Structure formats: C-alpha cells, structure tokens
Amino acid sequence: MLVVLTTLPSVPLDDQVLVVISVGLPVALAVYCGWLKRDTSPTIKLVGLGTVLSAAILGAWLGYHVPATPALGAVSGILAAVAATNLGLIVLDVVEIGERPVTVPSITIAAAEH
C-alpha cells in the first residue's frame, strides 16, 4: 500500500482494488505459512496455496462491500479475508484431498502361559 501511495498519489486509500490486493495477499501468505507442514505432499501444498489465494481475495472483496462506507470496508475486508481463508483450509483438511489414511500396524501380544 505504501508503494502505491508513493508512486500513484491519485489512488485513494479506500480504493477497492488496492484494498483487496493489499489485504488479500498478505492474509493468504500468513495463513498458508501457518497451515503448511513439512511432510505434506507437493500436490496438497499446491492445492492449499490455490485455496488460500482464492479464499483471501474473495473474502477481502466480499468484506469490502459489507459496510456503507469504503473506509470501514477496508477493515471488514481484513476480517472477511482471514475468515474466508481459514474456512477454505478447514474445508480442504476435512475433504483430505489426495491424502491416504495412515495404517497403524497391529500389535500382537503373546498369551501368558500359567
């Protein structure tokens, strides 16, 4: 946002595109880094990245349009982007796309002889 303010001073702070991009991308990156695990397959990582980016941008856009004034739209855009991104990852975890259930080896206990 600071880069836009210095390079394009005619763009207002409550511009829709500025708010959606400057809110959605950092929220998506922060939530994705918090969700990411090392042992996750590359396919799940890519699907998760797509999920957080699309959910954060959509949430920021929807949140921007909730209140009556654009200044409040920036604040509600942040909250909506966080909520939508977390909801997207919860759905992804519930669906478990591409993950196989881990089988636990059975433990056999020898019968005690009397």
C-alpha atoms as a PDB file:
ATOM      1  CA  MET A   1       0.000   0.000   0.000  1.00  0.00           C
ATOM      2  CA  LEU A   2       2.868   2.359   0.763  1.00  0.00           C
ATOM      3  CA  VAL A   3       4.370   1.723  -2.666  1.00  0.00           C
ATOM      4  CA  VAL A   4       1.071   2.621  -4.329  1.00  0.00           C
ATOM      5  CA  LEU A   5       0.757   5.771  -2.236  1.00  0.00           C
ATOM      6  CA  THR A   6       4.194   6.991  -3.259  1.00  0.00           C
ATOM      7  CA  THR A   7       4.050   6.003  -6.922  1.00  0.00           C
ATOM      8  CA  LEU A   8       0.366   6.721  -7.605  1.00  0.00           C
ATOM      9  CA  PRO A   9      -0.715   9.538  -5.282  1.00  0.00           C
ATOM     10  CA  SER A  10      -4.048   9.925  -7.077  1.00  0.00           C
ATOM     11  CA  VAL A  11      -5.263   6.495  -5.870  1.00  0.00           C
ATOM     12  CA  PRO A  12      -7.325   6.866  -2.676  1.00  0.00           C
ATOM     13  CA  LEU A  13      -6.653   4.685   0.365  1.00  0.00           C
ATOM     14  CA  ASP A  14     -10.105   3.169   0.224  1.00  0.00           C
ATOM     15  CA  ASP A  15      -9.904   2.105  -3.438  1.00  0.00           C
ATOM     16  CA  GLN A  16     -11.480  -1.303  -3.957  1.00  0.00           C
ATOM     17  CA  VAL A  17      -8.651  -2.904  -5.941  1.00  0.00           C
ATOM     18  CA  LEU A  18      -5.994  -1.505  -3.609  1.00  0.00           C
ATOM     19  CA  VAL A  19      -7.759  -2.822  -0.521  1.00  0.00           C
ATOM     20  CA  VAL A  20      -8.482  -6.268  -1.962  1.00  0.00           C
ATOM     21  CA  ILE A  21      -4.922  -6.847  -3.204  1.00  0.00           C
ATOM     22  CA  SER A  22      -3.095  -5.274  -0.254  1.00  0.00           C
ATOM     23  CA  VAL A  23      -5.243  -7.193   2.240  1.00  0.00           C
ATOM     24  CA  GLY A  24      -5.793 -10.481   0.423  1.00  0.00           C
ATOM     25  CA  LEU A  25      -2.210 -11.354  -0.468  1.00  0.00           C
ATOM     26  CA  PRO A  26      -0.620 -10.873   2.993  1.00  0.00           C
ATOM     27  CA  VAL A  27      -3.502 -12.680   4.682  1.00  0.00           C
ATOM     28  CA  ALA A  28      -3.173 -15.585   2.241  1.00  0.00           C
ATOM     29  CA  LEU A  29       0.580 -15.798   2.787  1.00  0.00           C
ATOM     30  CA  ALA A  30       0.331 -15.658   6.587  1.00  0.00           C
ATOM     31  CA  VAL A  31      -2.423 -18.255   6.860  1.00  0.00           C
ATOM     32  CA  TYR A  32      -0.715 -20.548   4.333  1.00  0.00           C
ATOM     33  CA  CYS A  33       2.575 -20.427   6.246  1.00  0.00           C
ATOM     34  CA  GLY A  34       0.744 -21.267   9.458  1.00  0.00           C
ATOM     35  CA  TRP A  35      -1.043 -24.210   7.847  1.00  0.00           C
ATOM     36  CA  LEU A  36       1.909 -25.680   5.954  1.00  0.00           C
ATOM     37  CA  LYS A  37       3.585 -28.854   7.201  1.00  0.00           C
ATOM     38  CA  ARG A  38       6.910 -30.233   6.006  1.00  0.00           C
ATOM     39  CA  ASP A  39       5.699 -33.741   5.333  1.00  0.00           C
ATOM     40  CA  THR A  40       2.751 -32.621   3.198  1.00  0.00           C
ATOM     41  CA  SER A  41       2.842 -33.818  -0.394  1.00  0.00           C
ATOM     42  CA  PRO A  42       3.578 -31.252  -3.118  1.00  0.00           C
ATOM     43  CA  THR A  43       0.094 -31.720  -4.570  1.00  0.00           C
ATOM     44  CA  ILE A  44      -1.556 -30.783  -1.276  1.00  0.00           C
ATOM     45  CA  LYS A  45       0.787 -27.800  -0.922  1.00  0.00           C
ATOM     46  CA  LEU A  46      -0.226 -26.534  -4.360  1.00  0.00           C
ATOM     47  CA  VAL A  47      -3.929 -27.087  -3.730  1.00  0.00           C
ATOM     48  CA  GLY A  48      -3.574 -25.335  -0.366  1.00  0.00           C
ATOM     49  CA  LEU A  49      -1.847 -22.365  -1.969  1.00  0.00           C
ATOM     50  CA  GLY A  50      -4.598 -22.043  -4.547  1.00  0.00           C
ATOM     51  CA  THR A  51      -7.213 -22.337  -1.842  1.00  0.00           C
ATOM     52  CA  VAL A  52      -5.731 -19.617   0.373  1.00  0.00           C
ATOM     53  CA  LEU A  53      -5.162 -17.211  -2.500  1.00  0.00           C
ATOM     54  CA  SER A  54      -8.663 -17.554  -3.912  1.00  0.00           C
ATOM     55  CA  ALA A  55     -10.366 -17.523  -0.497  1.00  0.00           C
ATOM     56  CA  ALA A  56      -8.402 -14.494   0.743  1.00  0.00           C
ATOM     57  CA  ILE A  57      -9.082 -12.442  -2.381  1.00  0.00           C
ATOM     58  CA  LEU A  58     -12.757 -13.426  -2.420  1.00  0.00           C
ATOM     59  CA  GLY A  59     -13.111 -12.753   1.311  1.00  0.00           C
ATOM     60  CA  ALA A  60     -11.440  -9.357   1.050  1.00  0.00           C
ATOM     61  CA  TRP A  61     -13.654  -8.398  -1.878  1.00  0.00           C
ATOM     62  CA  LEU A  62     -16.846  -9.525  -0.150  1.00  0.00           C
ATOM     63  CA  GLY A  63     -15.803  -7.878   3.117  1.00  0.00           C
ATOM     64  CA  TYR A  64     -15.075  -4.614   1.338  1.00  0.00           C
ATOM     65  CA  HIS A  65     -18.680  -4.417   0.148  1.00  0.00           C
ATOM     66  CA  VAL A  66     -20.351  -5.130   3.515  1.00  0.00           C
ATOM     67  CA  PRO A  67     -20.379  -1.703   5.218  1.00  0.00           C
ATOM     68  CA  ALA A  68     -21.830   1.520   3.901  1.00  0.00           C
ATOM     69  CA  THR A  69     -18.541   3.439   3.737  1.00  0.00           C
ATOM     70  CA  PRO A  70     -15.375   2.376   1.910  1.00  0.00           C
ATOM     71  CA  ALA A  71     -13.193   3.255   4.920  1.00  0.00           C
ATOM     72  CA  LEU A  72     -14.984   0.655   7.003  1.00  0.00           C
ATOM     73  CA  GLY A  73     -14.790  -1.657   4.001  1.00  0.00           C
ATOM     74  CA  ALA A  74     -11.036  -1.829   4.412  1.00  0.00           C
ATOM     75  CA  VAL A  75     -11.406  -3.038   7.997  1.00  0.00           C
ATOM     76  CA  SER A  76     -14.165  -5.522   7.257  1.00  0.00           C
ATOM     77  CA  GLY A  77     -12.160  -6.714   4.252  1.00  0.00           C
ATOM     78  CA  ILE A  78      -9.352  -7.777   6.576  1.00  0.00           C
ATOM     79  CA  LEU A  79     -11.693  -9.692   8.850  1.00  0.00           C
ATOM     80  CA  ALA A  80     -13.516 -11.337   5.963  1.00  0.00           C
ATOM     81  CA  ALA A  81     -10.262 -12.339   4.252  1.00  0.00           C
ATOM     82  CA  VAL A  82      -8.987 -14.031   7.416  1.00  0.00           C
ATOM     83  CA  ALA A  83     -12.295 -15.818   7.978  1.00  0.00           C
ATOM     84  CA  ALA A  84     -12.635 -16.974   4.367  1.00  0.00           C
ATOM     85  CA  THR A  85      -9.047 -18.206   4.178  1.00  0.00           C
ATOM     86  CA  ASN A  86      -9.334 -20.208   7.382  1.00  0.00           C
ATOM     87  CA  LEU A  87     -12.661 -21.620   6.248  1.00  0.00           C
ATOM     88  CA  GLY A  88     -11.131 -22.662   2.930  1.00  0.00           C
ATOM     89  CA  LEU A  89      -8.319 -24.533   4.657  1.00  0.00           C
ATOM     90  CA  ILE A  90     -10.718 -26.168   7.096  1.00  0.00           C
ATOM     91  CA  VAL A  91     -12.740 -27.465   4.161  1.00  0.00           C
ATOM     92  CA  LEU A  92      -9.552 -28.657   2.488  1.00  0.00           C
ATOM     93  CA  ASP A  93      -8.487 -30.518   5.627  1.00  0.00           C
ATOM     94  CA  VAL A  94     -11.918 -32.083   6.071  1.00  0.00           C
ATOM     95  CA  VAL A  95     -12.038 -33.277   2.482  1.00  0.00           C
ATOM     96  CA  GLU A  96      -8.415 -34.507   2.705  1.00  0.00           C
ATOM     97  CA  ILE A  97      -7.741 -34.192  -1.000  1.00  0.00           C
ATOM     98  CA  GLY A  98      -5.049 -36.612  -2.089  1.00  0.00           C
ATOM     99  CA  GLU A  99      -4.158 -37.886   1.360  1.00  0.00           C
ATOM    100  CA  ARG A 100      -4.328 -41.546   2.243  1.00  0.00           C
ATOM    101  CA  PRO A 101      -5.222 -42.688   5.721  1.00  0.00           C
ATOM    102  CA  VAL A 102      -2.241 -43.874   7.679  1.00  0.00           C
ATOM    103  CA  THR A 103      -2.498 -47.511   8.670  1.00  0.00           C
ATOM    104  CA  VAL A 104      -1.358 -48.363  12.146  1.00  0.00           C
ATOM    105  CA  PRO A 105       0.378 -51.731  12.414  1.00  0.00           C
ATOM    106  CA  SER A 106      -1.388 -54.138  14.712  1.00  0.00           C
ATOM    107  CA  ILE A 107       0.332 -55.115  17.923  1.00  0.00           C
ATOM    108  CA  THR A 108       0.095 -58.739  18.886  1.00  0.00           C
ATOM    109  CA  ILE A 109       0.534 -59.736  22.472  1.00  0.00           C
ATOM    110  CA  ALA A 110       1.513 -63.267  23.230  1.00  0.00           C
ATOM    111  CA  ALA A 111      -0.782 -65.069  25.604  1.00  0.00           C
ATOM    112  CA  ALA A 112       0.690 -65.591  29.045  1.00  0.00           C
ATOM    113  CA  GLU A 113       1.151 -69.200  29.986  1.00  0.00           C
ATOM    114  CA  HIS A 114       0.367 -70.305  33.511  1.00  0.00           C
END
